[in-house]
Amino acid sequence: MLFLRIMLCSCLLMSGCASKAVMIYSIPAGAEVYTHTDFMRDRLGTTPLTSSVEAMMPDWKNDDGVTSITLIFKKQGYQDLKLKIREFEIPPEINVTLKPE
C-alpha cells in the first residue's frame, strides 16, 4: 500500500513538471536558444522566452533513465554558451551572460 502511495505521488509530481513554465533570459537579450540531446537539436526561440519542460525535453516521459539536455545559446559577436540541465533540476528561471568573442 505504501508503495502505491509513493508511486501515485511520484506520478503527480512528474506530471506537474511537464507543464511548468520556464523563463529563459540572456545578457544581452536576443540570443538564439537550442536544445541539444544525444538524438536531436531543436531551436526553442530567442531570449527572452518562455518554454516548458515538455518543450525542452519532449521525450522525458518515455525515457527509463535520467534525462538531461544541453541548452545552447548563440548570438552573433558572442561566444556560444552551453548549459547542461538534468530533468529534475530545471529551474523556473534560467539566466545566462554571454561573453563577447
PDB file of N, CA and C in Angstrom:
ATOM      1  N   MET A   1       0.811  -1.190   0.000  1.00  0.00           N
ATOM      2  CA  MET A   1       0.000   0.000   0.000  1.00  0.00           C
ATOM      3  C   MET A   1       0.863   1.266   0.000  1.00  0.00           C
ATOM      4  N   LEU A   2       1.902   1.247   0.816  1.00  0.00           N
ATOM      5  CA  LEU A   2       2.811   2.390   0.865  1.00  0.00           C
ATOM      6  C   LEU A   2       3.466   2.601  -0.495  1.00  0.00           C
ATOM      7  N   PHE A   3       3.846   1.498  -1.143  1.00  0.00           N
ATOM      8  CA  PHE A   3       4.465   1.589  -2.470  1.00  0.00           C
ATOM      9  C   PHE A   3       3.523   2.285  -3.453  1.00  0.00           C
ATOM     10  N   LEU A   4       2.248   1.934  -3.428  1.00  0.00           N
ATOM     11  CA  LEU A   4       1.276   2.553  -4.333  1.00  0.00           C
ATOM     12  C   LEU A   4       1.128   4.050  -4.068  1.00  0.00           C
ATOM     13  N   ARG A   5       1.141   4.445  -2.821  1.00  0.00           N
ATOM     14  CA  ARG A   5       1.059   5.868  -2.482  1.00  0.00           C
ATOM     15  C   ARG A   5       2.278   6.623  -2.996  1.00  0.00           C
ATOM     16  N   ILE A   6       3.456   6.024  -2.827  1.00  0.00           N
ATOM     17  CA  ILE A   6       4.679   6.657  -3.314  1.00  0.00           C
ATOM     18  C   ILE A   6       4.639   6.795  -4.829  1.00  0.00           C
ATOM     19  N   MET A   7       4.193   5.749  -5.518  1.00  0.00           N
ATOM     20  CA  MET A   7       4.114   5.803  -6.976  1.00  0.00           C
ATOM     21  C   MET A   7       3.110   6.863  -7.436  1.00  0.00           C
ATOM     22  N   LEU A   8       1.975   6.958  -6.769  1.00  0.00           N
ATOM     23  CA  LEU A   8       0.969   7.958  -7.122  1.00  0.00           C
ATOM     24  C   LEU A   8       1.518   9.360  -6.925  1.00  0.00           C
ATOM     25  N   CYS A   9       2.176   9.603  -5.803  1.00  0.00           N
ATOM     26  CA  CYS A   9       2.766  10.918  -5.558  1.00  0.00           C
ATOM     27  C   CYS A   9       3.835  11.240  -6.601  1.00  0.00           C
ATOM     28  N   SER A  10       4.650  10.250  -6.948  1.00  0.00           N
ATOM     29  CA  SER A  10       5.698  10.468  -7.956  1.00  0.00           C
ATOM     30  C   SER A  10       5.087  10.826  -9.298  1.00  0.00           C
ATOM     31  N   CYS A  11       4.031  10.125  -9.680  1.00  0.00           N
ATOM     32  CA  CYS A  11       3.373  10.412 -10.959  1.00  0.00           C
ATOM     33  C   CYS A  11       2.777  11.811 -10.961  1.00  0.00           C
ATOM     34  N   LEU A  12       2.165  12.206  -9.880  1.00  0.00           N
ATOM     35  CA  LEU A  12       1.587  13.546  -9.795  1.00  0.00           C
ATOM     36  C   LEU A  12       2.662  14.613  -9.881  1.00  0.00           C
ATOM     37  N   LEU A  13       3.769  14.401  -9.197  1.00  0.00           N
ATOM     38  CA  LEU A  13       4.865  15.367  -9.252  1.00  0.00           C
ATOM     39  C   LEU A  13       5.460  15.450 -10.644  1.00  0.00           C
ATOM     40  N   MET A  14       5.656  14.309 -11.282  1.00  0.00           N
ATOM     41  CA  MET A  14       6.252  14.303 -12.608  1.00  0.00           C
ATOM     42  C   MET A  14       5.317  14.917 -13.634  1.00  0.00           C
ATOM     43  N   SER A  15       4.037  14.690 -13.526  1.00  0.00           N
ATOM     44  CA  SER A  15       3.115  15.282 -14.499  1.00  0.00           C
ATOM     45  C   SER A  15       3.060  16.795 -14.325  1.00  0.00           C
ATOM     46  N   GLY A  16       3.258  17.285 -13.113  1.00  0.00           N
ATOM     47  CA  GLY A  16       3.289  18.726 -12.884  1.00  0.00           C
ATOM     48  C   GLY A  16       4.516  19.377 -13.477  1.00  0.00           C
ATOM     49  N   CYS A  17       5.618  18.639 -13.554  1.00  0.00           N
ATOM     50  CA  CYS A  17       6.853  19.171 -14.115  1.00  0.00           C
ATOM     51  C   CYS A  17       6.707  19.474 -15.592  1.00  0.00           C
ATOM     52  N   ALA A  18       5.934  18.669 -16.301  1.00  0.00           N
ATOM     53  CA  ALA A  18       5.848  18.806 -17.744  1.00  0.00           C
ATOM     54  C   ALA A  18       5.231  20.130 -18.159  1.00  0.00           C
ATOM     55  N   SER A  19       4.295  20.637 -17.392  1.00  0.00           N
ATOM     56  CA  SER A  19       3.615  21.863 -17.787  1.00  0.00           C
ATOM     57  C   SER A  19       4.214  23.101 -17.113  1.00  0.00           C
ATOM     58  N   LYS A  20       5.245  22.921 -16.317  1.00  0.00           N
ATOM     59  CA  LYS A  20       5.867  24.026 -15.599  1.00  0.00           C
ATOM     60  C   LYS A  20       6.506  24.996 -16.588  1.00  0.00           C
ATOM     61  N   ALA A  21       6.189  26.268 -16.454  1.00  0.00           N
ATOM     62  CA  ALA A  21       6.784  27.291 -17.311  1.00  0.00           C
ATOM     63  C   ALA A  21       8.217  27.551 -16.887  1.00  0.00           C
ATOM     64  N   VAL A  22       9.079  27.737 -17.881  1.00  0.00           N
ATOM     65  CA  VAL A  22      10.477  28.040 -17.638  1.00  0.00           C
ATOM     66  C   VAL A  22      10.802  29.316 -18.403  1.00  0.00           C
ATOM     67  N   MET A  23      11.199  30.355 -17.673  1.00  0.00           N
ATOM     68  CA  MET A  23      11.588  31.621 -18.292  1.00  0.00           C
ATOM     69  C   MET A  23      13.082  31.562 -18.592  1.00  0.00           C
ATOM     70  N   ILE A  24      13.469  31.946 -19.817  1.00  0.00           N
ATOM     71  CA  ILE A  24      14.876  31.881 -20.218  1.00  0.00           C
ATOM     72  C   ILE A  24      15.317  33.269 -20.667  1.00  0.00           C
ATOM     73  N   TYR A  25      16.378  33.771 -20.013  1.00  0.00           N
ATOM     74  CA  TYR A  25      16.899  35.108 -20.294  1.00  0.00           C
ATOM     75  C   TYR A  25      18.388  35.026 -20.617  1.00  0.00           C
ATOM     76  N   SER A  26      18.849  36.000 -21.395  1.00  0.00           N
ATOM     77  CA  SER A  26      20.284  36.117 -21.632  1.00  0.00           C
ATOM     78  C   SER A  26      20.669  37.585 -21.603  1.00  0.00           C
ATOM     79  N   ILE A  27      21.930  37.811 -21.235  1.00  0.00           N
ATOM     80  CA  ILE A  27      22.523  39.145 -21.325  1.00  0.00           C
ATOM     81  C   ILE A  27      23.647  39.012 -22.331  1.00  0.00           C
ATOM     82  N   PRO A  28      23.574  39.670 -23.477  1.00  0.00           N
ATOM     83  CA  PRO A  28      22.476  40.515 -23.934  1.00  0.00           C
ATOM     84  C   PRO A  28      21.288  39.667 -24.406  1.00  0.00           C
ATOM     85  N   ALA A  29      20.135  40.305 -24.462  1.00  0.00           N
ATOM     86  CA  ALA A  29      18.927  39.644 -24.966  1.00  0.00           C
ATOM     87  C   ALA A  29      19.090  39.381 -26.460  1.00  0.00           C
ATOM     88  N   GLY A  30      18.247  38.533 -26.997  1.00  0.00           N
ATOM     89  CA  GLY A  30      18.270  38.258 -28.427  1.00  0.00           C
ATOM     90  C   GLY A  30      19.113  37.067 -28.827  1.00  0.00           C
ATOM     91  N   ALA A  31      19.501  36.241 -27.860  1.00  0.00           N
ATOM     92  CA  ALA A  31      20.269  35.039 -28.176  1.00  0.00           C
ATOM     93  C   ALA A  31      19.328  33.941 -28.653  1.00  0.00           C
ATOM     94  N   GLU A  32      19.775  33.198 -29.656  1.00  0.00           N
ATOM     95  CA  GLU A  32      19.026  32.035 -30.119  1.00  0.00           C
ATOM     96  C   GLU A  32      19.289  30.898 -29.134  1.00  0.00           C
ATOM     97  N   VAL A  33      18.233  30.190 -28.747  1.00  0.00           N
ATOM     98  CA  VAL A  33      18.373  29.095 -27.786  1.00  0.00           C
ATOM     99  C   VAL A  33      17.999  27.787 -28.478  1.00  0.00           C
ATOM    100  N   TYR A  34      18.898  26.815 -28.365  1.00  0.00           N
ATOM    101  CA  TYR A  34      18.685  25.494 -28.949  1.00  0.00           C
ATOM    102  C   TYR A  34      18.761  24.446 -27.854  1.00  0.00           C
ATOM    103  N   THR A  35      17.961  23.389 -27.993  1.00  0.00           N
ATOM    104  CA  THR A  35      18.102  22.230 -27.115  1.00  0.00           C
ATOM    105  C   THR A  35      18.941  21.213 -27.856  1.00  0.00           C
ATOM    106  N   HIS A  36      19.797  20.530 -27.135  1.00  0.00           N
ATOM    107  CA  HIS A  36      20.656  19.530 -27.756  1.00  0.00           C
ATOM    108  C   HIS A  36      20.691  18.304 -26.861  1.00  0.00           C
ATOM    109  N   THR A  37      20.292  17.173 -27.416  1.00  0.00           N
ATOM    110  CA  THR A  37      20.412  15.891 -26.720  1.00  0.00           C
ATOM    111  C   THR A  37      21.261  14.990 -27.595  1.00  0.00           C
ATOM    112  N   ASP A  38      21.419  13.748 -27.191  1.00  0.00           N
ATOM    113  CA  ASP A  38      22.176  12.794 -27.999  1.00  0.00           C
ATOM    114  C   ASP A  38      21.479  12.514 -29.326  1.00  0.00           C
ATOM    115  N   PHE A  39      20.173  12.797 -29.382  1.00  0.00           N
ATOM    116  CA  PHE A  39      19.396  12.399 -30.549  1.00  0.00           C
ATOM    117  C   PHE A  39      18.902  13.557 -31.411  1.00  0.00           C
ATOM    118  N   MET A  40      18.892  14.771 -30.886  1.00  0.00           N
ATOM    119  CA  MET A  40      18.298  15.865 -31.658  1.00  0.00           C
ATOM    120  C   MET A  40      18.856  17.217 -31.241  1.00  0.00           C
ATOM    121  N   ARG A  41      18.579  18.191 -32.107  1.00  0.00           N
ATOM    122  CA  ARG A  41      18.912  19.581 -31.807  1.00  0.00           C
ATOM    123  C   ARG A  41      17.788  20.429 -32.383  1.00  0.00           C
ATOM    124  N   ASP A  42      17.089  21.139 -31.530  1.00  0.00           N
ATOM    125  CA  ASP A  42      15.941  21.946 -31.942  1.00  0.00           C
ATOM    126  C   ASP A  42      16.075  23.368 -31.436  1.00  0.00           C
ATOM    127  N   ARG A  43      15.536  24.298 -32.207  1.00  0.00           N
ATOM    128  CA  ARG A  43      15.525  25.701 -31.804  1.00  0.00           C
ATOM    129  C   ARG A  43      14.318  25.943 -30.902  1.00  0.00           C
ATOM    130  N   LEU A  44      14.569  26.482 -29.710  1.00  0.00           N
ATOM    131  CA  LEU A  44      13.480  26.829 -28.789  1.00  0.00           C
ATOM    132  C   LEU A  44      12.941  28.225 -29.069  1.00  0.00           C
ATOM    133  N   GLY A  45      13.835  29.152 -29.403  1.00  0.00           N
ATOM    134  CA  GLY A  45      13.405  30.529 -29.637  1.00  0.00           C
ATOM    135  C   GLY A  45      14.518  31.507 -29.335  1.00  0.00           C
ATOM    136  N   THR A  46      14.119  32.757 -29.160  1.00  0.00           N
ATOM    137  CA  THR A  46      15.053  33.852 -28.912  1.00  0.00           C
ATOM    138  C   THR A  46      14.761  34.454 -27.551  1.00  0.00           C
ATOM    139  N   THR A  47      15.815  34.711 -26.789  1.00  0.00           N
ATOM    140  CA  THR A  47      15.638  35.279 -25.453  1.00  0.00           C
ATOM    141  C   THR A  47      15.184  36.728 -25.536  1.00  0.00           C
ATOM    142  N   PRO A  48      14.364  37.155 -24.590  1.00  0.00           N
ATOM    143  CA  PRO A  48      13.753  36.369 -23.514  1.00  0.00           C
ATOM    144  C   PRO A  48      12.634  35.487 -24.063  1.00  0.00           C
ATOM    145  N   LEU A  49      12.484  34.300 -23.489  1.00  0.00           N
ATOM    146  CA  LEU A  49      11.429  33.411 -23.951  1.00  0.00           C
ATOM    147  C   LEU A  49      10.877  32.594 -22.807  1.00  0.00           C
ATOM    148  N   THR A  50       9.677  32.109 -23.015  1.00  0.00           N
ATOM    149  CA  THR A  50       9.022  31.210 -22.065  1.00  0.00           C
ATOM    150  C   THR A  50       8.929  29.847 -22.720  1.00  0.00           C
ATOM    151  N   SER A  51       9.361  28.827 -22.009  1.00  0.00           N
ATOM    152  CA  SER A  51       9.299  27.465 -22.517  1.00  0.00           C
ATOM    153  C   SER A  51       8.709  26.577 -21.434  1.00  0.00           C
ATOM    154  N   SER A  52       8.808  25.280 -21.616  1.00  0.00           N
ATOM    155  CA  SER A  52       8.342  24.319 -20.616  1.00  0.00           C
ATOM    156  C   SER A  52       9.259  23.112 -20.634  1.00  0.00           C
ATOM    157  N   VAL A  53       9.173  22.309 -19.594  1.00  0.00           N
ATOM    158  CA  VAL A  53       9.967  21.088 -19.535  1.00  0.00           C
ATOM    159  C   VAL A  53       9.612  20.206 -20.731  1.00  0.00           C
ATOM    160  N   GLU A  54       8.344  20.117 -21.040  1.00  0.00           N
ATOM    161  CA  GLU A  54       7.895  19.277 -22.154  1.00  0.00           C
ATOM    162  C   GLU A  54       8.460  19.756 -23.493  1.00  0.00           C
ATOM    163  N   ALA A  55       8.523  21.070 -23.702  1.00  0.00           N
ATOM    164  CA  ALA A  55       9.094  21.598 -24.943  1.00  0.00           C
ATOM    165  C   ALA A  55      10.597  21.382 -24.993  1.00  0.00           C
ATOM    166  N   MET A  56      11.246  21.490 -23.845  1.00  0.00           N
ATOM    167  CA  MET A  56      12.699  21.337 -23.790  1.00  0.00           C
ATOM    168  C   MET A  56      13.118  19.875 -23.861  1.00  0.00           C
ATOM    169  N   MET A  57      12.291  18.993 -23.298  1.00  0.00           N
ATOM    170  CA  MET A  57      12.588  17.555 -23.251  1.00  0.00           C
ATOM    171  C   MET A  57      11.353  16.774 -23.672  1.00  0.00           C
ATOM    172  N   PRO A  58      11.028  16.763 -24.956  1.00  0.00           N
ATOM    173  CA  PRO A  58       9.769  16.132 -25.380  1.00  0.00           C
ATOM    174  C   PRO A  58       9.666  14.642 -25.079  1.00  0.00           C
ATOM    175  N   ASP A  59      10.775  13.950 -24.957  1.00  0.00           N
ATOM    176  CA  ASP A  59      10.732  12.501 -24.715  1.00  0.00           C
ATOM    177  C   ASP A  59      11.014  12.111 -23.275  1.00  0.00           C
ATOM    178  N   TRP A  60      11.008  13.080 -22.358  1.00  0.00           N
ATOM    179  CA  TRP A  60      11.408  12.771 -20.982  1.00  0.00           C
ATOM    180  C   TRP A  60      10.512  11.738 -20.323  1.00  0.00           C
ATOM    181  N   LYS A  61       9.223  11.685 -20.669  1.00  0.00           N
ATOM    182  CA  LYS A  61       8.318  10.719 -20.042  1.00  0.00           C
ATOM    183  C   LYS A  61       8.602   9.296 -20.506  1.00  0.00           C
ATOM    184  N   ASN A  62       9.174   9.145 -21.703  1.00  0.00           N
ATOM    185  CA  ASN A  62       9.403   7.824 -22.277  1.00  0.00           C
ATOM    186  C   ASN A  62      10.787   7.278 -21.969  1.00  0.00           C
ATOM    187  N   ASP A  63      11.583   8.042 -21.283  1.00  0.00           N
ATOM    188  CA  ASP A  63      12.959   7.650 -21.003  1.00  0.00           C
ATOM    189  C   ASP A  63      13.015   6.917 -19.667  1.00  0.00           C
ATOM    190  N   ASP A  64      13.645   5.754 -19.666  1.00  0.00           N
ATOM    191  CA  ASP A  64      13.753   4.973 -18.432  1.00  0.00           C
ATOM    192  C   ASP A  64      14.826   5.503 -17.496  1.00  0.00           C
ATOM    193  N   GLY A  65      15.788   6.225 -18.036  1.00  0.00           N
ATOM    194  CA  GLY A  65      16.873   6.754 -17.219  1.00  0.00           C
ATOM    195  C   GLY A  65      16.654   8.221 -16.905  1.00  0.00           C
ATOM    196  N   VAL A  66      17.665   8.821 -16.350  1.00  0.00           N
ATOM    197  CA  VAL A  66      17.625  10.245 -16.050  1.00  0.00           C
ATOM    198  C   VAL A  66      17.939  11.000 -17.334  1.00  0.00           C
ATOM    199  N   THR A  67      17.044  11.878 -17.710  1.00  0.00           N
ATOM    200  CA  THR A  67      17.201  12.634 -18.947  1.00  0.00           C
ATOM    201  C   THR A  67      17.894  13.959 -18.660  1.00  0.00           C
ATOM    202  N   SER A  68      18.761  14.343 -19.576  1.00  0.00           N
ATOM    203  CA  SER A  68      19.371  15.659 -19.471  1.00  0.00           C
ATOM    204  C   SER A  68      19.444  16.259 -20.871  1.00  0.00           C
ATOM    205  N   ILE A  69      19.516  17.566 -20.907  1.00  0.00           N
ATOM    206  CA  ILE A  69      19.671  18.270 -22.170  1.00  0.00           C
ATOM    207  C   ILE A  69      20.781  19.289 -22.008  1.00  0.00           C
ATOM    208  N   THR A  70      21.221  19.782 -23.120  1.00  0.00           N
ATOM    209  CA  THR A  70      22.139  20.898 -23.124  1.00  0.00           C
ATOM    210  C   THR A  70      21.450  22.028 -23.863  1.00  0.00           C
ATOM    211  N   LEU A  71      21.335  23.170 -23.216  1.00  0.00           N
ATOM    212  CA  LEU A  71      20.825  24.364 -23.887  1.00  0.00           C
ATOM    213  C   LEU A  71      22.030  25.079 -24.487  1.00  0.00           C
ATOM    214  N   ILE A  72      21.914  25.460 -25.740  1.00  0.00           N
ATOM    215  CA  ILE A  72      22.982  26.180 -26.415  1.00  0.00           C
ATOM    216  C   ILE A  72      22.470  27.579 -26.741  1.00  0.00           C
ATOM    217  N   PHE A  73      23.207  28.588 -26.288  1.00  0.00           N
ATOM    218  CA  PHE A  73      22.865  29.985 -26.541  1.00  0.00           C
ATOM    219  C   PHE A  73      23.825  30.528 -27.586  1.00  0.00           C
ATOM    220  N   LYS A  74      23.272  31.126 -28.653  1.00  0.00           N
ATOM    221  CA  LYS A  74      24.096  31.660 -29.738  1.00  0.00           C
ATOM    222  C   LYS A  74      23.665  33.090 -30.055  1.00  0.00           C
ATOM    223  N   LYS A  75      24.637  33.964 -30.197  1.00  0.00           N
ATOM    224  CA  LYS A  75      24.363  35.335 -30.627  1.00  0.00           C
ATOM    225  C   LYS A  75      25.607  35.825 -31.364  1.00  0.00           C
ATOM    226  N   GLN A  76      25.383  36.441 -32.509  1.00  0.00           N
ATOM    227  CA  GLN A  76      26.495  36.932 -33.306  1.00  0.00           C
ATOM    228  C   GLN A  76      27.322  37.922 -32.496  1.00  0.00           C
ATOM    229  N   GLY A  77      28.649  37.746 -32.544  1.00  0.00           N
ATOM    230  CA  GLY A  77      29.567  38.605 -31.797  1.00  0.00           C
ATOM    231  C   GLY A  77      29.856  38.106 -30.389  1.00  0.00           C
ATOM    232  N   TYR A  78      29.235  36.970 -30.008  1.00  0.00           N
ATOM    233  CA  TYR A  78      29.412  36.414 -28.665  1.00  0.00           C
ATOM    234  C   TYR A  78      29.781  34.934 -28.759  1.00  0.00           C
ATOM    235  N   GLN A  79      30.479  34.459 -27.747  1.00  0.00           N
ATOM    236  CA  GLN A  79      30.824  33.041 -27.686  1.00  0.00           C
ATOM    237  C   GLN A  79      29.569  32.223 -27.404  1.00  0.00           C
ATOM    238  N   ASP A  80      29.466  31.054 -28.048  1.00  0.00           N
ATOM    239  CA  ASP A  80      28.364  30.152 -27.730  1.00  0.00           C
ATOM    240  C   ASP A  80      28.486  29.721 -26.280  1.00  0.00           C
ATOM    241  N   LEU A  81      27.356  29.568 -25.632  1.00  0.00           N
ATOM    242  CA  LEU A  81      27.341  29.118 -24.245  1.00  0.00           C
ATOM    243  C   LEU A  81      26.510  27.849 -24.171  1.00  0.00           C
ATOM    244  N   LYS A  82      27.055  26.822 -23.516  1.00  0.00           N
ATOM    245  CA  LYS A  82      26.339  25.558 -23.333  1.00  0.00           C
ATOM    246  C   LYS A  82      26.024  25.382 -21.860  1.00  0.00           C
ATOM    247  N   LEU A  83      24.777  25.003 -21.585  1.00  0.00           N
ATOM    248  CA  LEU A  83      24.326  24.814 -20.212  1.00  0.00           C
ATOM    249  C   LEU A  83      23.631  23.460 -20.122  1.00  0.00           C
ATOM    250  N   LYS A  84      24.222  22.518 -19.383  1.00  0.00           N
ATOM    251  CA  LYS A  84      23.634  21.185 -19.225  1.00  0.00           C
ATOM    252  C   LYS A  84      22.688  21.178 -18.037  1.00  0.00           C
ATOM    253  N   ILE A  85      21.501  20.615 -18.262  1.00  0.00           N
ATOM    254  CA  ILE A  85      20.478  20.574 -17.212  1.00  0.00           C
ATOM    255  C   ILE A  85      19.858  19.183 -17.168  1.00  0.00           C
ATOM    256  N   ARG A  86      19.696  18.654 -15.960  1.00  0.00           N
ATOM    257  CA  ARG A  86      19.022  17.371 -15.776  1.00  0.00           C
ATOM    258  C   ARG A  86      17.530  17.628 -15.578  1.00  0.00           C
ATOM    259  N   GLU A  87      16.705  16.655 -15.960  1.00  0.00           N
ATOM    260  CA  GLU A  87      15.259  16.846 -15.991  1.00  0.00           C
ATOM    261  C   GLU A  87      14.658  17.305 -14.667  1.00  0.00           C
ATOM    262  N   PHE A  88      15.153  16.832 -13.543  1.00  0.00           N
ATOM    263  CA  PHE A  88      14.562  17.210 -12.266  1.00  0.00           C
ATOM    264  C   PHE A  88      15.247  18.417 -11.643  1.00  0.00           C
ATOM    265  N   GLU A  89      16.159  19.040 -12.398  1.00  0.00           N
ATOM    266  CA  GLU A  89      16.876  20.213 -11.889  1.00  0.00           C
ATOM    267  C   GLU A  89      16.575  21.460 -12.719  1.00  0.00           C
ATOM    268  N   ILE A  90      15.543  21.406 -13.556  1.00  0.00           N
ATOM    269  CA  ILE A  90      15.214  22.568 -14.377  1.00  0.00           C
ATOM    270  C   ILE A  90      14.567  23.622 -13.481  1.00  0.00           C
ATOM    271  N   PRO A  91      15.194  24.784 -13.360  1.00  0.00           N
ATOM    272  CA  PRO A  91      14.644  25.835 -12.502  1.00  0.00           C
ATOM    273  C   PRO A  91      13.529  26.585 -13.235  1.00  0.00           C
ATOM    274  N   PRO A  92      12.715  27.342 -12.507  1.00  0.00           N
ATOM    275  CA  PRO A  92      11.664  28.120 -13.154  1.00  0.00           C
ATOM    276  C   PRO A  92      12.218  29.280 -13.982  1.00  0.00           C
ATOM    277  N   GLU A  93      13.471  29.660 -13.736  1.00  0.00           N
ATOM    278  CA  GLU A  93      14.088  30.767 -14.472  1.00  0.00           C
ATOM    279  C   GLU A  93      15.554  30.434 -14.753  1.00  0.00           C
ATOM    280  N   ILE A  94      15.959  30.636 -16.012  1.00  0.00           N
ATOM    281  CA  ILE A  94      17.336  30.405 -16.415  1.00  0.00           C
ATOM    282  C   ILE A  94      17.899  31.736 -16.902  1.00  0.00           C
ATOM    283  N   ASN A  95      19.015  32.162 -16.324  1.00  0.00           N
ATOM    284  CA  ASN A  95      19.679  33.419 -16.699  1.00  0.00           C
ATOM    285  C   ASN A  95      21.123  33.100 -17.072  1.00  0.00           C
ATOM    286  N   VAL A  96      21.547  33.569 -18.257  1.00  0.00           N
ATOM    287  CA  VAL A  96      22.943  33.381 -18.662  1.00  0.00           C
ATOM    288  C   VAL A  96      23.501  34.708 -19.154  1.00  0.00           C
ATOM    289  N   THR A  97      24.812  34.826 -19.061  1.00  0.00           N
ATOM    290  CA  THR A  97      25.519  36.004 -19.584  1.00  0.00           C
ATOM    291  C   THR A  97      26.499  35.520 -20.633  1.00  0.00           C
ATOM    292  N   LEU A  98      26.364  36.036 -21.845  1.00  0.00           N
ATOM    293  CA  LEU A  98      27.243  35.655 -22.938  1.00  0.00           C
ATOM    294  C   LEU A  98      28.485  36.529 -22.939  1.00  0.00           C
ATOM    295  N   LYS A  99      29.627  35.922 -23.298  1.00  0.00           N
ATOM    296  CA  LYS A  99      30.892  36.662 -23.352  1.00  0.00           C
ATOM    297  C   LYS A  99      31.179  37.089 -24.791  1.00  0.00           C
ATOM    298  N   PRO A 100      31.641  38.315 -24.985  1.00  0.00           N
ATOM    299  CA  PRO A 100      32.000  38.753 -26.339  1.00  0.00           C
ATOM    300  C   PRO A 100      33.118  37.883 -26.912  1.00  0.00           C
ATOM    301  N   GLU A 101      33.127  37.757 -28.242  1.00  0.00           N
ATOM    302  CA  GLU A 101      34.186  36.981 -28.902  1.00  0.00           C
ATOM    303  C   GLU A 101      35.498  37.740 -28.856  1.00  0.00           C
TER     304      GLU A 101
END
